Amino acid sequence: MDDTSKLRFEDKGQLLSEIFNTKINNDRDRVRAKVLKSGKRSFDFDEDESLIKAGFQQQYGIDLDRDSLSWERFTTMLDGLNEDTQFKKVVRFRLAKVSDDMDADTQTYLKQMKLIYGLKQAHTNGDGKLTPDELSIELANLDMPHKALRMKELREQGKI
């Protein structure tokens, strides 16, 4: 049936539930959520829209602005993007752990990449404030008067 306007309210609810459970929150997504139960997101459909579109164009020759895919096919192809796409590189930076056994240059590089490519929600300690590493990177290229001004701005914004 293509016209849902003739369905009873209860049937519309059941249809919506069925679509959600089979197409959006499917078994693969539930398993993925359990495995990644830390809650750390590696990507966001809205924030990473241009990276996802570029990845599909690069790897599959698909223009997501012009070509339509089912949700299931889209998510399968998204999972299949290779490591050469910028989307996968950015996700790798977000998931990389900075550890003490890394040399200082590698630690600094990863911290910078996490700051540049981090999701908006990930740029804080969860309380809206910048982490010490993010603050130091934010102020790194400023001279003393400009550091003071930037610190004042960040305090006023509640970020430090």
N, C-alpha and C. Protein backbone atom coordinates (compact mmCIF):
# COMPACT_ATOMS: atom_id res chain seq x y z
N MET A 1 0.86 -1.18 0.00
CA MET A 1 0.00 0.00 0.00
C MET A 1 0.90 1.24 0.00
N ASP A 2 0.72 2.13 -0.96
CA ASP A 2 1.52 3.33 -1.06
C ASP A 2 0.93 4.50 -0.29
N ASP A 3 -0.36 4.50 -0.07
CA ASP A 3 -1.03 5.60 0.58
C ASP A 3 -1.32 5.23 2.03
N THR A 4 -0.57 5.84 2.95
CA THR A 4 -0.76 5.53 4.37
C THR A 4 -1.84 6.37 5.02
N SER A 5 -2.40 7.34 4.27
CA SER A 5 -3.41 8.21 4.87
C SER A 5 -4.70 7.44 5.21
N LYS A 6 -4.90 6.29 4.60
CA LYS A 6 -6.11 5.52 4.86
C LYS A 6 -5.93 4.53 6.00
N LEU A 7 -4.73 4.43 6.53
CA LEU A 7 -4.50 3.51 7.65
C LEU A 7 -5.05 4.09 8.94
N ARG A 8 -5.50 3.20 9.83
CA ARG A 8 -5.94 3.64 11.16
C ARG A 8 -4.71 4.11 11.94
N PHE A 9 -4.91 4.92 12.95
CA PHE A 9 -3.84 5.47 13.76
C PHE A 9 -2.97 4.36 14.35
N GLU A 10 -3.59 3.30 14.87
CA GLU A 10 -2.85 2.19 15.47
C GLU A 10 -1.99 1.49 14.43
N ASP A 11 -2.52 1.35 13.22
CA ASP A 11 -1.76 0.70 12.14
C ASP A 11 -0.57 1.56 11.70
N LYS A 12 -0.75 2.87 11.71
CA LYS A 12 0.36 3.77 11.37
C LYS A 12 1.47 3.63 12.41
N GLY A 13 1.09 3.54 13.67
CA GLY A 13 2.08 3.36 14.73
C GLY A 13 2.83 2.04 14.57
N GLN A 14 2.11 1.00 14.25
CA GLN A 14 2.73 -0.31 14.05
C GLN A 14 3.67 -0.28 12.84
N LEU A 15 3.25 0.38 11.76
CA LEU A 15 4.06 0.50 10.57
C LEU A 15 5.35 1.28 10.87
N LEU A 16 5.21 2.37 11.59
CA LEU A 16 6.37 3.16 11.97
C LEU A 16 7.33 2.35 12.83
N SER A 17 6.80 1.60 13.77
CA SER A 17 7.62 0.74 14.62
C SER A 17 8.36 -0.31 13.79
N GLU A 18 7.65 -0.91 12.86
CA GLU A 18 8.25 -1.94 11.98
C GLU A 18 9.38 -1.35 11.13
N ILE A 19 9.15 -0.18 10.58
CA ILE A 19 10.18 0.48 9.77
C ILE A 19 11.39 0.78 10.64
N PHE A 20 11.16 1.33 11.83
CA PHE A 20 12.26 1.66 12.72
C PHE A 20 13.07 0.42 13.08
N ASN A 21 12.40 -0.64 13.46
CA ASN A 21 13.09 -1.84 13.94
C ASN A 21 13.77 -2.65 12.84
N THR A 22 13.32 -2.52 11.61
CA THR A 22 13.94 -3.30 10.54
C THR A 22 14.90 -2.49 9.68
N LYS A 23 14.66 -1.20 9.57
CA LYS A 23 15.48 -0.39 8.66
C LYS A 23 16.43 0.57 9.37
N ILE A 24 16.05 1.06 10.53
CA ILE A 24 16.87 2.07 11.21
C ILE A 24 17.63 1.45 12.38
N ASN A 25 16.92 0.84 13.28
CA ASN A 25 17.55 0.22 14.46
C ASN A 25 17.54 -1.30 14.27
N ASN A 26 18.26 -1.75 13.24
CA ASN A 26 18.22 -3.17 12.90
C ASN A 26 19.20 -3.97 13.77
N ASP A 27 19.25 -5.28 13.56
CA ASP A 27 20.10 -6.16 14.36
C ASP A 27 21.55 -5.73 14.33
N ARG A 28 22.06 -5.37 13.15
CA ARG A 28 23.46 -4.94 13.02
C ARG A 28 23.72 -3.70 13.87
N ASP A 29 22.80 -2.75 13.88
CA ASP A 29 22.97 -1.54 14.67
C ASP A 29 22.91 -1.85 16.17
N ARG A 30 22.06 -2.78 16.57
CA ARG A 30 21.98 -3.15 17.99
C ARG A 30 23.27 -3.84 18.44
N VAL A 31 23.83 -4.71 17.60
CA VAL A 31 25.11 -5.37 17.93
C VAL A 31 26.21 -4.33 18.01
N ARG A 32 26.24 -3.42 17.05
CA ARG A 32 27.25 -2.36 17.04
C ARG A 32 27.16 -1.52 18.32
N ALA A 33 25.96 -1.21 18.75
CA ALA A 33 25.77 -0.41 19.96
C ALA A 33 26.30 -1.14 21.19
N LYS A 34 26.10 -2.47 21.25
CA LYS A 34 26.60 -3.24 22.38
C LYS A 34 28.12 -3.28 22.39
N VAL A 35 28.72 -3.49 21.21
CA VAL A 35 30.18 -3.56 21.11
C VAL A 35 30.80 -2.21 21.46
N LEU A 36 30.18 -1.16 21.00
CA LEU A 36 30.70 0.19 21.24
C LEU A 36 29.96 0.87 22.38
N LYS A 37 29.69 0.13 23.44
CA LYS A 37 28.85 0.66 24.51
C LYS A 37 29.49 1.81 25.29
N SER A 38 30.74 2.13 24.98
CA SER A 38 31.37 3.26 25.65
C SER A 38 30.62 4.55 25.35
N GLY A 39 29.84 4.54 24.28
CA GLY A 39 29.06 5.72 23.94
C GLY A 39 29.85 6.73 23.13
N LYS A 40 31.12 6.46 22.89
CA LYS A 40 31.94 7.39 22.11
C LYS A 40 31.56 7.27 20.65
N ARG A 41 31.04 8.35 20.13
CA ARG A 41 30.63 8.36 18.73
C ARG A 41 31.84 8.61 17.85
N SER A 42 31.90 7.91 16.73
CA SER A 42 33.01 8.11 15.81
C SER A 42 32.61 8.97 14.61
N PHE A 43 31.31 9.12 14.39
CA PHE A 43 30.86 9.99 13.32
C PHE A 43 29.45 10.46 13.61
N ASP A 44 29.04 11.47 12.86
CA ASP A 44 27.70 12.02 12.98
C ASP A 44 27.21 12.30 11.56
N PHE A 45 26.02 11.81 11.24
CA PHE A 45 25.51 11.97 9.88
C PHE A 45 25.45 13.44 9.45
N ASP A 46 25.06 14.32 10.36
CA ASP A 46 24.95 15.74 10.00
C ASP A 46 26.32 16.39 9.87
N GLU A 47 27.16 16.24 10.90
CA GLU A 47 28.48 16.88 10.88
C GLU A 47 29.38 16.33 9.78
N ASP A 48 29.23 15.06 9.47
CA ASP A 48 30.11 14.41 8.49
C ASP A 48 29.47 14.25 7.12
N GLU A 49 28.39 14.96 6.88
CA GLU A 49 27.67 14.81 5.62
C GLU A 49 28.58 14.97 4.41
N SER A 50 29.39 16.02 4.38
CA SER A 50 30.24 16.24 3.20
C SER A 50 31.31 15.16 3.07
N LEU A 51 31.85 14.67 4.18
CA LEU A 51 32.84 13.59 4.12
C LEU A 51 32.21 12.30 3.61
N ILE A 52 31.00 12.01 4.05
CA ILE A 52 30.30 10.80 3.60
C ILE A 52 30.01 10.91 2.11
N LYS A 53 29.49 12.05 1.68
CA LYS A 53 29.20 12.24 0.26
C LYS A 53 30.46 12.10 -0.58
N ALA A 54 31.55 12.69 -0.12
CA ALA A 54 32.81 12.60 -0.86
C ALA A 54 33.31 11.16 -0.92
N GLY A 55 33.16 10.43 0.17
CA GLY A 55 33.58 9.04 0.21
C GLY A 55 32.79 8.18 -0.77
N PHE A 56 31.49 8.39 -0.84
CA PHE A 56 30.66 7.64 -1.78
C PHE A 56 31.03 7.98 -3.23
N GLN A 57 31.29 9.26 -3.47
CA GLN A 57 31.68 9.68 -4.82
C GLN A 57 33.04 9.07 -5.18
N GLN A 58 33.99 9.13 -4.26
CA GLN A 58 35.34 8.62 -4.50
C GLN A 58 35.34 7.11 -4.73
N GLN A 59 34.70 6.38 -3.86
CA GLN A 59 34.80 4.92 -3.92
C GLN A 59 33.79 4.28 -4.86
N TYR A 60 32.56 4.78 -4.84
CA TYR A 60 31.50 4.11 -5.60
C TYR A 60 31.05 4.88 -6.84
N GLY A 61 31.49 6.13 -6.98
CA GLY A 61 31.02 6.94 -8.09
C GLY A 61 29.56 7.33 -7.94
N ILE A 62 29.07 7.36 -6.70
CA ILE A 62 27.67 7.69 -6.42
C ILE A 62 27.58 9.10 -5.87
N ASP A 63 26.75 9.92 -6.49
CA ASP A 63 26.48 11.27 -6.02
C ASP A 63 25.24 11.20 -5.14
N LEU A 64 25.42 11.28 -3.83
CA LEU A 64 24.29 11.13 -2.91
C LEU A 64 23.30 12.28 -2.99
N ASP A 65 23.69 13.39 -3.60
CA ASP A 65 22.74 14.48 -3.81
C ASP A 65 21.81 14.17 -4.98
N ARG A 66 22.24 13.29 -5.86
CA ARG A 66 21.47 12.99 -7.06
C ARG A 66 20.90 11.57 -7.06
N ASP A 67 21.68 10.62 -6.56
CA ASP A 67 21.27 9.21 -6.59
C ASP A 67 20.61 8.83 -5.27
N SER A 68 19.60 8.00 -5.33
CA SER A 68 18.93 7.57 -4.10
C SER A 68 19.26 6.11 -3.82
N LEU A 69 19.41 5.81 -2.55
CA LEU A 69 19.70 4.46 -2.07
C LEU A 69 18.74 4.13 -0.95
N SER A 70 18.45 2.86 -0.77
CA SER A 70 17.68 2.47 0.41
C SER A 70 18.58 2.69 1.63
N TRP A 71 17.96 2.84 2.78
CA TRP A 71 18.72 3.03 4.02
C TRP A 71 19.66 1.85 4.25
N GLU A 72 19.16 0.64 4.04
CA GLU A 72 19.97 -0.56 4.26
C GLU A 72 21.19 -0.58 3.32
N ARG A 73 20.98 -0.25 2.08
CA ARG A 73 22.10 -0.24 1.12
C ARG A 73 23.08 0.87 1.48
N PHE A 74 22.56 2.04 1.85
CA PHE A 74 23.42 3.16 2.24
C PHE A 74 24.30 2.77 3.42
N THR A 75 23.71 2.20 4.48
CA THR A 75 24.52 1.87 5.67
C THR A 75 25.52 0.75 5.36
N THR A 76 25.13 -0.19 4.51
CA THR A 76 26.07 -1.24 4.11
C THR A 76 27.25 -0.64 3.36
N MET A 77 26.98 0.25 2.45
CA MET A 77 28.05 0.88 1.67
C MET A 77 28.89 1.82 2.55
N LEU A 78 28.26 2.48 3.51
CA LEU A 78 29.01 3.34 4.43
C LEU A 78 30.00 2.50 5.23
N ASP A 79 29.54 1.34 5.73
CA ASP A 79 30.43 0.43 6.45
C ASP A 79 31.57 -0.04 5.55
N GLY A 80 31.32 -0.12 4.25
CA GLY A 80 32.32 -0.64 3.32
C GLY A 80 33.29 0.39 2.77
N LEU A 81 33.14 1.65 3.17
CA LEU A 81 34.10 2.64 2.68
C LEU A 81 35.51 2.24 3.10
N ASN A 82 36.46 2.38 2.18
CA ASN A 82 37.82 1.95 2.49
C ASN A 82 38.63 3.03 3.20
N GLU A 83 39.78 2.64 3.65
CA GLU A 83 40.64 3.51 4.46
C GLU A 83 41.21 4.69 3.68
N ASP A 84 41.09 4.67 2.35
CA ASP A 84 41.60 5.77 1.53
C ASP A 84 40.66 6.97 1.52
N THR A 85 39.44 6.80 1.96
CA THR A 85 38.50 7.92 1.96
C THR A 85 38.79 8.82 3.16
N GLN A 86 38.57 10.10 2.97
CA GLN A 86 38.80 11.06 4.06
C GLN A 86 37.88 10.77 5.24
N PHE A 87 36.68 10.30 4.96
CA PHE A 87 35.75 9.96 6.03
C PHE A 87 36.38 8.93 6.97
N LYS A 88 36.93 7.87 6.43
CA LYS A 88 37.53 6.82 7.26
C LYS A 88 38.77 7.33 7.98
N LYS A 89 39.55 8.19 7.34
CA LYS A 89 40.73 8.77 7.99
C LYS A 89 40.31 9.60 9.20
N VAL A 90 39.27 10.40 9.04
CA VAL A 90 38.78 11.24 10.13
C VAL A 90 38.26 10.37 11.28
N VAL A 91 37.50 9.33 10.95
CA VAL A 91 37.00 8.42 11.98
C VAL A 91 38.16 7.78 12.73
N ARG A 92 39.21 7.39 12.00
CA ARG A 92 40.39 6.79 12.64
C ARG A 92 41.03 7.77 13.62
N PHE A 93 41.15 9.05 13.25
CA PHE A 93 41.71 10.05 14.17
C PHE A 93 40.84 10.15 15.43
N ARG A 94 39.54 10.16 15.25
CA ARG A 94 38.63 10.31 16.39
C ARG A 94 38.75 9.14 17.35
N LEU A 95 38.98 7.94 16.84
CA LEU A 95 39.04 6.75 17.68
C LEU A 95 40.42 6.45 18.23
N ALA A 96 41.44 7.08 17.66
CA ALA A 96 42.82 6.81 18.09
C ALA A 96 43.03 7.22 19.55
N LYS A 97 43.73 6.39 20.26
CA LYS A 97 44.07 6.67 21.66
C LYS A 97 45.47 7.29 21.70
N VAL A 98 45.61 8.38 22.43
CA VAL A 98 46.91 9.00 22.66
C VAL A 98 47.46 8.34 23.92
N SER A 99 48.62 7.70 23.78
CA SER A 99 49.19 6.98 24.92
C SER A 99 50.58 7.49 25.25
N ASP A 100 51.00 7.21 26.46
CA ASP A 100 52.30 7.67 26.95
C ASP A 100 53.47 7.01 26.22
N ASP A 101 53.26 5.85 25.62
CA ASP A 101 54.36 5.17 24.93
C ASP A 101 54.62 5.73 23.53
N MET A 102 53.81 6.71 23.10
CA MET A 102 54.03 7.38 21.82
C MET A 102 55.06 8.48 22.01
N ASP A 103 55.82 8.78 20.95
CA ASP A 103 56.74 9.89 21.06
C ASP A 103 55.94 11.20 21.09
N ALA A 104 56.58 12.26 21.56
CA ALA A 104 55.89 13.54 21.78
C ALA A 104 55.29 14.10 20.50
N ASP A 105 56.00 13.96 19.37
CA ASP A 105 55.47 14.48 18.10
C ASP A 105 54.19 13.76 17.69
N THR A 106 54.16 12.44 17.88
CA THR A 106 52.97 11.67 17.53
C THR A 106 51.81 12.06 18.43
N GLN A 107 52.08 12.22 19.72
CA GLN A 107 51.02 12.63 20.66
C GLN A 107 50.46 13.98 20.25
N THR A 108 51.34 14.93 19.97
CA THR A 108 50.90 16.28 19.58
C THR A 108 50.08 16.23 18.30
N TYR A 109 50.56 15.46 17.31
CA TYR A 109 49.86 15.34 16.03
C TYR A 109 48.46 14.77 16.24
N LEU A 110 48.35 13.68 16.99
CA LEU A 110 47.03 13.07 17.22
C LEU A 110 46.10 14.02 17.96
N LYS A 111 46.63 14.73 18.95
CA LYS A 111 45.80 15.68 19.69
C LYS A 111 45.28 16.78 18.76
N GLN A 112 46.15 17.24 17.86
CA GLN A 112 45.73 18.28 16.91
C GLN A 112 44.66 17.74 15.97
N MET A 113 44.86 16.52 15.46
CA MET A 113 43.87 15.93 14.55
C MET A 113 42.54 15.71 15.25
N LYS A 114 42.58 15.29 16.52
CA LYS A 114 41.35 15.11 17.28
C LYS A 114 40.62 16.44 17.47
N LEU A 115 41.39 17.50 17.67
CA LEU A 115 40.78 18.82 17.83
C LEU A 115 40.19 19.30 16.51
N ILE A 116 40.95 19.13 15.43
CA ILE A 116 40.48 19.58 14.11
C ILE A 116 39.25 18.80 13.66
N TYR A 117 39.30 17.47 13.82
CA TYR A 117 38.25 16.62 13.26
C TYR A 117 37.26 16.10 14.29
N GLY A 118 37.40 16.50 15.53
CA GLY A 118 36.50 16.01 16.57
C GLY A 118 35.07 16.46 16.33
N LEU A 119 34.15 15.64 16.77
CA LEU A 119 32.74 16.02 16.71
C LEU A 119 32.50 17.15 17.69
N LYS A 120 31.53 18.00 17.41
CA LYS A 120 31.26 19.15 18.28
C LYS A 120 31.08 18.74 19.73
N GLN A 121 30.33 17.69 19.97
CA GLN A 121 30.08 17.22 21.33
C GLN A 121 31.36 16.71 21.99
N ALA A 122 32.31 16.21 21.20
CA ALA A 122 33.53 15.63 21.75
C ALA A 122 34.56 16.67 22.13
N HIS A 123 34.33 17.94 21.83
CA HIS A 123 35.31 18.97 22.13
C HIS A 123 35.24 19.47 23.56
N THR A 124 34.53 18.78 24.40
CA THR A 124 34.41 19.21 25.78
C THR A 124 34.58 18.03 26.72
N ASN A 125 34.69 18.30 27.99
CA ASN A 125 34.78 17.27 29.01
C ASN A 125 33.42 16.69 29.34
N GLY A 126 32.40 17.08 28.62
CA GLY A 126 31.04 16.65 28.92
C GLY A 126 30.30 17.73 29.70
N ASP A 127 31.07 18.68 30.22
CA ASP A 127 30.45 19.77 30.97
C ASP A 127 30.50 21.09 30.19
N GLY A 128 30.86 20.99 28.90
CA GLY A 128 30.94 22.19 28.07
C GLY A 128 32.28 22.87 28.11
N LYS A 129 33.21 22.37 28.90
CA LYS A 129 34.52 23.00 29.03
C LYS A 129 35.56 22.27 28.18
N LEU A 130 36.52 23.06 27.66
CA LEU A 130 37.60 22.48 26.89
C LEU A 130 38.52 21.67 27.80
N THR A 131 39.07 20.59 27.25
CA THR A 131 40.07 19.83 28.00
C THR A 131 41.36 20.63 28.03
N PRO A 132 42.28 20.34 28.96
CA PRO A 132 43.56 21.07 29.00
C PRO A 132 44.33 21.00 27.68
N ASP A 133 44.33 19.83 27.02
CA ASP A 133 45.02 19.71 25.74
C ASP A 133 44.38 20.59 24.69
N GLU A 134 43.05 20.62 24.64
CA GLU A 134 42.36 21.44 23.66
C GLU A 134 42.60 22.92 23.92
N LEU A 135 42.64 23.30 25.18
CA LEU A 135 42.93 24.70 25.53
C LEU A 135 44.33 25.08 25.09
N SER A 136 45.31 24.21 25.34
CA SER A 136 46.68 24.55 24.95
C SER A 136 46.81 24.65 23.44
N ILE A 137 46.12 23.79 22.69
CA ILE A 137 46.16 23.89 21.23
C ILE A 137 45.44 25.16 20.77
N GLU A 138 44.34 25.49 21.43
CA GLU A 138 43.58 26.71 21.10
C GLU A 138 44.45 27.96 21.25
N LEU A 139 45.33 27.96 22.22
CA LEU A 139 46.14 29.14 22.53
C LEU A 139 47.55 29.08 21.94
N ALA A 140 47.94 27.96 21.35
CA ALA A 140 49.32 27.70 20.96
C ALA A 140 49.92 28.77 20.05
N ASN A 141 49.22 29.24 19.06
CA ASN A 141 49.81 30.15 18.08
C ASN A 141 49.54 31.62 18.37
N LEU A 142 49.10 31.93 19.57
CA LEU A 142 48.79 33.32 19.92
C LEU A 142 49.90 33.92 20.78
N ASP A 143 50.15 35.23 20.58
CA ASP A 143 51.10 35.90 21.47
C ASP A 143 50.38 36.22 22.79
N MET A 144 51.13 36.68 23.78
CA MET A 144 50.59 36.84 25.13
C MET A 144 49.34 37.74 25.19
N PRO A 145 49.33 38.92 24.57
CA PRO A 145 48.10 39.74 24.65
C PRO A 145 46.88 39.05 24.04
N HIS A 146 47.10 38.34 22.91
CA HIS A 146 45.98 37.66 22.27
C HIS A 146 45.55 36.41 23.05
N LYS A 147 46.51 35.78 23.73
CA LYS A 147 46.14 34.64 24.59
C LYS A 147 45.21 35.11 25.70
N ALA A 148 45.55 36.26 26.29
CA ALA A 148 44.73 36.80 27.37
C ALA A 148 43.32 37.12 26.87
N LEU A 149 43.23 37.72 25.69
CA LEU A 149 41.92 38.05 25.11
C LEU A 149 41.12 36.77 24.82
N ARG A 150 41.81 35.77 24.25
CA ARG A 150 41.11 34.52 23.92
C ARG A 150 40.65 33.81 25.19
N MET A 151 41.49 33.82 26.23
CA MET A 151 41.11 33.21 27.52
C MET A 151 39.87 33.90 28.07
N LYS A 152 39.83 35.24 27.98
CA LYS A 152 38.67 35.98 28.46
C LYS A 152 37.42 35.57 27.69
N GLU A 153 37.54 35.47 26.35
CA GLU A 153 36.39 35.04 25.53
C GLU A 153 35.92 33.65 25.94
N LEU A 154 36.85 32.73 26.11
CA LEU A 154 36.50 31.35 26.46
C LEU A 154 35.84 31.28 27.84
N ARG A 155 36.33 32.10 28.78
CA ARG A 155 35.70 32.14 30.12
C ARG A 155 34.26 32.64 30.01
N GLU A 156 34.07 33.70 29.22
CA GLU A 156 32.74 34.27 29.04
C GLU A 156 31.79 33.26 28.38
N GLN A 157 32.32 32.42 27.52
CA GLN A 157 31.52 31.39 26.84
C GLN A 157 31.33 30.15 27.73
N GLY A 158 31.99 30.14 28.88
CA GLY A 158 31.86 29.01 29.80
C GLY A 158 32.66 27.79 29.36
N LYS A 159 33.66 28.00 28.53
CA LYS A 159 34.44 26.86 28.02
C LYS A 159 35.68 26.57 28.87
N ILE A 160 36.03 27.48 29.78
CA ILE A 160 37.14 27.20 30.72
C ILE A 160 36.74 27.69 32.10
